[in-house]
Amino acid sequence: MNTYQTLEIERQSGVAWVWLNRSEVRNAFNDQMIAELTAAFSELGQDDDVRVMVLAGRGPSFCAGADLNWMKKMSEYSFEENRADASKLASMLHALFTFPKPTIARVHGHAFAGGMGLVAACDVAVASNDTKFCLSEVKIGLIPATIGPYVVAAMGARIARRYMLSAERFDSNEALRSGFIHEVSSSETLDELVETILENFLAGGPHAHRETKSLIERIEASGLDQELIDDTAARIARVRATDEGREGIRSFLEKRRPGWLRDGCEKKLRRLRTGIVTKSSAANFLERDGWG
């Protein structure tokens, strides 16, 4: 297991919480944090005990973008040095986007520039109602290049044109309206919202999650043609033949919990006894969708 200087990682009941931990600079990232995030995504992606990953920030903000000292150093780089440096950031974002398990961005305070890239690369994003967002690059003569594909996919090209070109700040309600984030809550209930989403993710099959994420990427990358139609048929055929697929179908027909959900319930109940989740939350987890 890696030792990280800019991150704090907590594992609990199938969930890995990855905390950006440079609160003194509002979790602005530098080359070290980029390298550590890349390593963490690789480590957690291969850990079978991790079912879901939450990306969050310690201190007053989620992520304020790039560290000023790091940017100053980059300004003195040659083109080749800058390209190598930018490639590391691009690779980190791609590792997050293609992470083989569900990911949640827990956003608060500020999500600026590269911080918005981290949010956009996650599967689900939720934010407190006091969060401010900004694609600030053009104000300092730069462009939102490596984060661009993820931000445009999250909010659409039309809205991205406005905020990438104007570099104006916008709030959580506008981020919600644009589709950039999925839900907004108060600061006090943000963790409760994350917990609800986690419960839904943990109810799914681990292999099914990996295959679903791969399917979405395939659909996004191509139009609806015969090749895609044939590919989707082959994908579901493969999944139906897996142990997890067979267990899911059998458990549904036998009106019982599938094996992976039984494990998740036991972990949830242990957390309930330690007071981490509420009784009603655990009860809903057990009873929802007929598994109770």
Protein backbone atom coordinates (compact mmCIF):
# COMPACT_ATOMS: atom_id res chain seq x y z
CA MET A 1 0.00 0.00 0.00
CA ASN A 2 1.39 3.38 -1.00
CA THR A 3 2.14 6.15 1.48
CA TYR A 4 0.78 9.48 0.28
CA GLN A 5 1.83 12.99 1.25
CA THR A 6 -0.91 15.00 -0.50
CA LEU A 7 -3.79 12.55 -0.09
CA GLU A 8 -5.57 10.83 2.76
CA ILE A 9 -7.25 7.53 1.93
CA GLU A 10 -9.85 5.84 4.10
CA ARG A 11 -11.32 2.41 3.40
CA GLN A 12 -14.61 1.50 5.02
CA SER A 13 -17.28 -1.10 4.17
CA GLY A 14 -16.34 -1.38 0.51
CA VAL A 15 -15.91 2.38 0.03
CA ALA A 16 -12.59 4.15 -0.51
CA TRP A 17 -12.60 7.84 0.40
CA VAL A 18 -9.80 9.71 -1.37
CA TRP A 19 -9.31 13.06 0.33
CA LEU A 20 -7.26 15.79 -1.36
CA ASN A 21 -5.18 16.86 1.61
CA ARG A 22 -3.46 20.17 0.88
CA SER A 23 -5.99 22.29 2.71
CA GLU A 24 -3.50 25.11 3.28
CA VAL A 25 -3.68 25.87 -0.48
CA ARG A 26 -7.34 24.83 -0.90
CA ASN A 27 -6.19 21.49 -2.31
CA ALA A 28 -4.61 23.07 -5.38
CA PHE A 29 -2.73 20.31 -7.14
CA ASN A 30 0.91 20.14 -8.14
CA ASP A 31 3.05 17.49 -9.80
CA GLN A 32 3.25 15.46 -6.59
CA MET A 33 -0.52 15.37 -6.09
CA ILE A 34 -1.04 14.43 -9.74
CA ALA A 35 1.41 11.52 -9.37
CA GLU A 36 -0.18 10.40 -6.11
CA LEU A 37 -3.72 10.55 -7.52
CA THR A 38 -2.61 8.45 -10.49
CA ALA A 39 -1.06 5.88 -8.15
CA ALA A 40 -4.11 5.88 -5.86
CA PHE A 41 -6.53 5.29 -8.74
CA SER A 42 -4.40 2.35 -9.90
CA GLU A 43 -4.12 0.88 -6.41
CA LEU A 44 -7.81 1.22 -5.55
CA GLY A 45 -8.95 0.09 -8.97
CA GLN A 46 -7.16 -3.24 -8.42
CA ASP A 47 -8.36 -3.68 -4.83
CA ASP A 48 -11.27 -6.15 -4.89
CA ASP A 49 -12.39 -4.98 -1.44
CA VAL A 50 -13.11 -1.50 -2.85
CA ARG A 51 -16.54 -1.29 -4.47
CA VAL A 52 -16.95 2.49 -4.79
CA MET A 53 -14.59 5.48 -4.62
CA VAL A 54 -15.45 8.93 -3.28
CA LEU A 55 -13.21 11.88 -4.19
CA ALA A 56 -13.37 14.74 -1.69
CA GLY A 57 -11.33 17.61 -0.29
CA ARG A 58 -10.14 18.41 3.21
CA GLY A 59 -10.48 21.94 4.53
CA PRO A 60 -12.55 24.80 3.09
CA SER A 61 -12.56 23.74 -0.57
CA PHE A 62 -12.69 20.74 -2.86
CA CYS A 63 -9.94 21.92 -5.23
CA ALA A 64 -8.85 25.41 -6.29
CA GLY A 65 -7.12 24.21 -9.44
CA ALA A 66 -3.38 24.33 -10.05
CA ASP A 67 -0.87 25.32 -7.39
CA LEU A 68 0.65 28.74 -8.10
CA ASN A 69 4.20 27.64 -7.36
CA TRP A 70 3.79 24.71 -9.72
CA MET A 71 2.42 27.03 -12.41
CA LYS A 72 5.37 29.37 -11.94
CA LYS A 73 7.77 26.47 -12.44
CA MET A 74 5.89 25.35 -15.56
CA SER A 75 6.16 28.82 -17.08
CA GLU A 76 9.90 28.30 -17.29
CA TYR A 77 9.65 24.89 -18.96
CA SER A 78 10.44 24.26 -22.61
CA PHE A 79 7.68 23.02 -24.93
CA GLU A 80 8.78 19.41 -24.52
CA GLU A 81 8.95 19.73 -20.74
CA ASN A 82 5.51 21.31 -20.68
CA ARG A 83 4.08 18.57 -22.88
CA ALA A 84 5.50 15.85 -20.63
CA ASP A 85 4.09 17.61 -17.57
CA ALA A 86 0.66 18.12 -19.17
CA SER A 87 0.59 14.48 -20.26
CA LYS A 88 0.84 13.40 -16.63
CA LEU A 89 -2.21 15.51 -15.75
CA ALA A 90 -4.09 14.18 -18.78
CA SER A 91 -3.23 10.59 -17.81
CA MET A 92 -4.41 11.14 -14.24
CA LEU A 93 -7.78 12.47 -15.41
CA HIS A 94 -8.16 9.56 -17.81
CA ALA A 95 -7.36 7.11 -15.01
CA LEU A 96 -10.15 8.67 -12.96
CA PHE A 97 -12.60 8.70 -15.86
CA THR A 98 -11.91 5.02 -16.68
CA PHE A 99 -11.76 3.88 -13.04
CA PRO A 100 -13.43 0.43 -13.15
CA LYS A 101 -15.81 1.10 -10.24
CA PRO A 102 -18.41 3.81 -9.53
CA THR A 103 -16.97 7.16 -8.47
CA ILE A 104 -18.53 10.09 -6.62
CA ALA A 105 -17.20 13.63 -6.40
CA ARG A 106 -18.12 15.26 -3.07
CA VAL A 107 -17.72 18.96 -3.82
CA HIS A 108 -17.72 21.97 -1.50
CA GLY A 109 -16.17 25.43 -1.27
CA HIS A 110 -14.45 25.95 -4.61
CA ALA A 111 -13.99 23.78 -7.68
CA PHE A 112 -11.89 25.85 -10.06
CA ALA A 113 -10.09 25.00 -13.31
CA GLY A 114 -8.47 21.57 -12.88
CA GLY A 115 -10.72 20.99 -9.88
CA MET A 116 -13.67 21.05 -12.28
CA GLY A 117 -11.82 18.45 -14.35
CA LEU A 118 -11.72 16.12 -11.36
CA VAL A 119 -15.46 16.60 -10.79
CA ALA A 120 -16.30 16.02 -14.44
CA ALA A 121 -14.25 12.81 -14.61
CA CYS A 122 -16.29 11.20 -11.82
CA ASP A 123 -19.46 9.22 -12.52
CA VAL A 124 -21.61 11.21 -10.09
CA ALA A 125 -21.03 14.67 -8.65
CA VAL A 126 -22.84 16.27 -5.72
CA ALA A 127 -22.13 19.69 -4.22
CA SER A 128 -23.04 21.84 -1.25
CA ASN A 129 -25.20 24.84 -2.09
CA ASP A 130 -22.39 27.30 -1.30
CA THR A 131 -19.92 25.85 -3.83
CA LYS A 132 -18.47 28.11 -6.51
CA PHE A 133 -17.27 26.84 -9.87
CA CYS A 134 -14.99 28.50 -12.41
CA LEU A 135 -13.13 27.61 -15.59
CA SER A 136 -10.60 30.37 -15.06
CA GLU A 137 -7.86 29.46 -17.55
CA VAL A 138 -8.39 32.14 -20.20
CA LYS A 139 -8.01 34.91 -17.62
CA ILE A 140 -4.35 33.99 -17.29
CA GLY A 141 -3.82 33.32 -20.97
CA LEU A 142 -4.21 29.54 -20.81
CA ILE A 143 -6.84 27.08 -22.02
CA PRO A 144 -8.79 24.28 -20.26
CA ALA A 145 -7.19 21.68 -22.50
CA THR A 146 -6.65 18.45 -20.55
CA ILE A 147 -9.89 18.88 -18.59
CA GLY A 148 -11.82 19.95 -21.69
CA PRO A 149 -13.10 16.55 -22.89
CA TYR A 150 -14.55 15.72 -19.48
CA VAL A 151 -16.06 19.15 -18.80
CA VAL A 152 -17.68 19.36 -22.25
CA ALA A 153 -19.07 15.83 -21.85
CA ALA A 154 -20.50 16.76 -18.45
CA MET A 155 -22.17 20.08 -19.26
CA GLY A 156 -22.42 20.06 -23.05
CA ALA A 157 -20.57 22.16 -25.61
CA ARG A 158 -23.06 25.03 -25.66
CA ILE A 159 -22.81 25.79 -21.94
CA ALA A 160 -19.09 24.99 -21.87
CA ARG A 161 -18.53 27.69 -24.51
CA ARG A 162 -19.89 30.32 -22.16
CA TYR A 163 -17.95 29.37 -19.06
CA MET A 164 -14.72 28.39 -20.78
CA LEU A 165 -14.62 31.64 -22.75
CA SER A 166 -15.90 34.02 -20.07
CA ALA A 167 -14.13 32.44 -17.07
CA GLU A 168 -16.99 33.72 -14.92
CA ARG A 169 -17.86 32.08 -11.65
CA PHE A 170 -21.13 30.22 -11.27
CA ASP A 171 -22.88 28.59 -8.33
CA SER A 172 -24.20 25.13 -7.50
CA ASN A 173 -27.66 25.84 -8.88
CA GLU A 174 -26.22 26.74 -12.26
CA ALA A 175 -23.94 23.69 -12.14
CA LEU A 176 -27.03 21.58 -11.46
CA ARG A 177 -29.02 23.23 -14.27
CA SER A 178 -26.21 22.61 -16.72
CA GLY A 179 -25.94 18.96 -15.78
CA PHE A 180 -22.40 19.38 -14.48
CA ILE A 181 -23.43 18.07 -11.07
CA HIS A 182 -26.28 15.71 -10.22
CA GLU A 183 -27.59 17.01 -6.89
CA VAL A 184 -27.18 19.94 -4.49
CA SER A 185 -27.61 19.90 -0.73
CA SER A 186 -26.75 22.04 2.26
CA SER A 187 -23.28 21.70 3.75
CA GLU A 188 -24.82 19.96 6.74
CA THR A 189 -26.52 17.24 4.68
CA LEU A 190 -23.85 16.72 2.01
CA ASP A 191 -22.47 13.56 3.60
CA GLU A 192 -25.98 12.18 4.04
CA LEU A 193 -26.55 12.68 0.31
CA VAL A 194 -23.29 10.90 -0.50
CA GLU A 195 -24.30 8.06 1.81
CA THR A 196 -27.58 7.59 -0.05
CA ILE A 197 -25.80 7.33 -3.39
CA LEU A 198 -23.25 4.94 -1.91
CA GLU A 199 -26.02 2.63 -0.73
CA ASN A 200 -27.45 2.48 -4.24
CA PHE A 201 -24.03 1.75 -5.75
CA LEU A 202 -23.25 -0.95 -3.19
CA ALA A 203 -26.47 -2.73 -4.13
CA GLY A 204 -25.12 -3.40 -7.63
CA GLY A 205 -22.88 -6.23 -8.79
CA PRO A 206 -19.14 -5.36 -8.96
CA HIS A 207 -18.63 -7.02 -12.33
CA ALA A 208 -21.83 -5.47 -13.66
CA HIS A 209 -20.53 -2.03 -12.66
CA ARG A 210 -17.29 -2.54 -14.59
CA GLU A 211 -19.12 -3.81 -17.64
CA THR A 212 -21.69 -0.98 -17.50
CA LYS A 213 -18.99 1.69 -17.39
CA SER A 214 -17.26 0.06 -20.34
CA LEU A 215 -20.57 -0.07 -22.20
CA ILE A 216 -21.24 3.64 -21.64
CA GLU A 217 -17.78 4.54 -22.96
CA ARG A 218 -18.38 2.39 -26.04
CA ILE A 219 -21.75 4.01 -26.73
CA GLU A 220 -20.33 7.51 -26.29
CA ALA A 221 -17.51 6.77 -28.69
CA SER A 222 -19.70 5.72 -31.62
CA GLY A 223 -23.03 6.25 -33.28
CA LEU A 224 -25.91 3.79 -33.25
CA ASP A 225 -24.82 1.52 -36.08
CA GLN A 226 -24.91 -2.22 -36.69
CA GLU A 227 -21.46 -2.65 -35.18
CA LEU A 228 -22.65 -1.11 -31.91
CA ILE A 229 -25.86 -3.16 -31.96
CA ASP A 230 -23.84 -6.37 -32.40
CA ASP A 231 -21.39 -5.27 -29.71
CA THR A 232 -24.15 -4.64 -27.14
CA ALA A 233 -25.61 -8.09 -27.82
CA ALA A 234 -22.20 -9.69 -27.28
CA ARG A 235 -21.64 -7.72 -24.06
CA ILE A 236 -24.88 -8.81 -22.41
CA ALA A 237 -24.26 -12.40 -23.51
CA ARG A 238 -20.87 -12.34 -21.76
CA VAL A 239 -22.30 -10.84 -18.57
CA ARG A 240 -25.20 -13.32 -18.42
CA ALA A 241 -22.68 -16.16 -18.48
CA THR A 242 -20.64 -14.88 -15.51
CA ASP A 243 -21.03 -16.23 -11.98
CA GLU A 244 -22.27 -12.83 -10.86
CA GLY A 245 -24.83 -12.65 -13.66
CA ARG A 246 -26.16 -16.13 -12.90
CA GLU A 247 -26.30 -15.35 -9.17
CA GLY A 248 -28.22 -12.15 -9.82
CA ILE A 249 -30.84 -13.89 -11.93
CA ARG A 250 -31.19 -16.85 -9.52
CA SER A 251 -31.54 -14.59 -6.48
CA PHE A 252 -34.20 -12.52 -8.25
CA LEU A 253 -36.22 -15.60 -9.21
CA GLU A 254 -35.76 -17.10 -5.73
CA LYS A 255 -36.76 -13.81 -4.07
CA ARG A 256 -33.60 -13.51 -1.99
CA ARG A 257 -30.67 -11.16 -1.72
CA PRO A 258 -27.77 -11.80 -4.12
CA GLY A 259 -24.47 -12.71 -2.54
CA TRP A 260 -22.85 -9.32 -3.04
CA LEU A 261 -25.80 -7.54 -1.41
CA ARG A 262 -25.76 -9.83 1.61
CA ASP A 263 -22.12 -8.87 2.19
CA GLY A 264 -22.97 -5.20 1.79
CA CYS A 265 -25.85 -5.46 4.26
CA GLU A 266 -23.64 -7.05 6.89
CA LYS A 267 -21.14 -4.23 6.56
CA LYS A 268 -23.90 -1.64 6.72
CA LEU A 269 -25.31 -3.21 9.85
CA ARG A 270 -21.89 -3.15 11.50
CA ARG A 271 -21.66 0.53 10.63
CA LEU A 272 -25.15 1.03 12.06
CA ARG A 273 -24.06 -0.44 15.37
CA THR A 274 -21.14 2.00 15.50
CA GLY A 275 -23.51 4.91 14.83
CA ILE A 276 -22.09 5.85 11.43
CA VAL A 277 -25.42 5.56 9.59
CA THR A 278 -28.93 6.07 10.87
CA LYS A 279 -31.34 3.25 11.57
CA SER A 280 -33.72 4.42 8.89
CA SER A 281 -30.88 4.55 6.35
CA ALA A 282 -29.85 0.97 7.07
CA ALA A 283 -33.48 -0.19 7.06
CA ASN A 284 -34.05 1.38 3.68
CA PHE A 285 -30.91 -0.33 2.39
CA LEU A 286 -32.20 -3.71 3.57
CA GLU A 287 -35.79 -3.30 2.42
CA ARG A 288 -35.45 -1.34 -0.83
CA ASP A 289 -36.13 -3.14 -4.13
CA GLY A 290 -37.67 -6.19 -2.41
CA TRP A 291 -34.50 -7.50 -0.79
CA GLY A 292 -35.85 -7.03 2.75
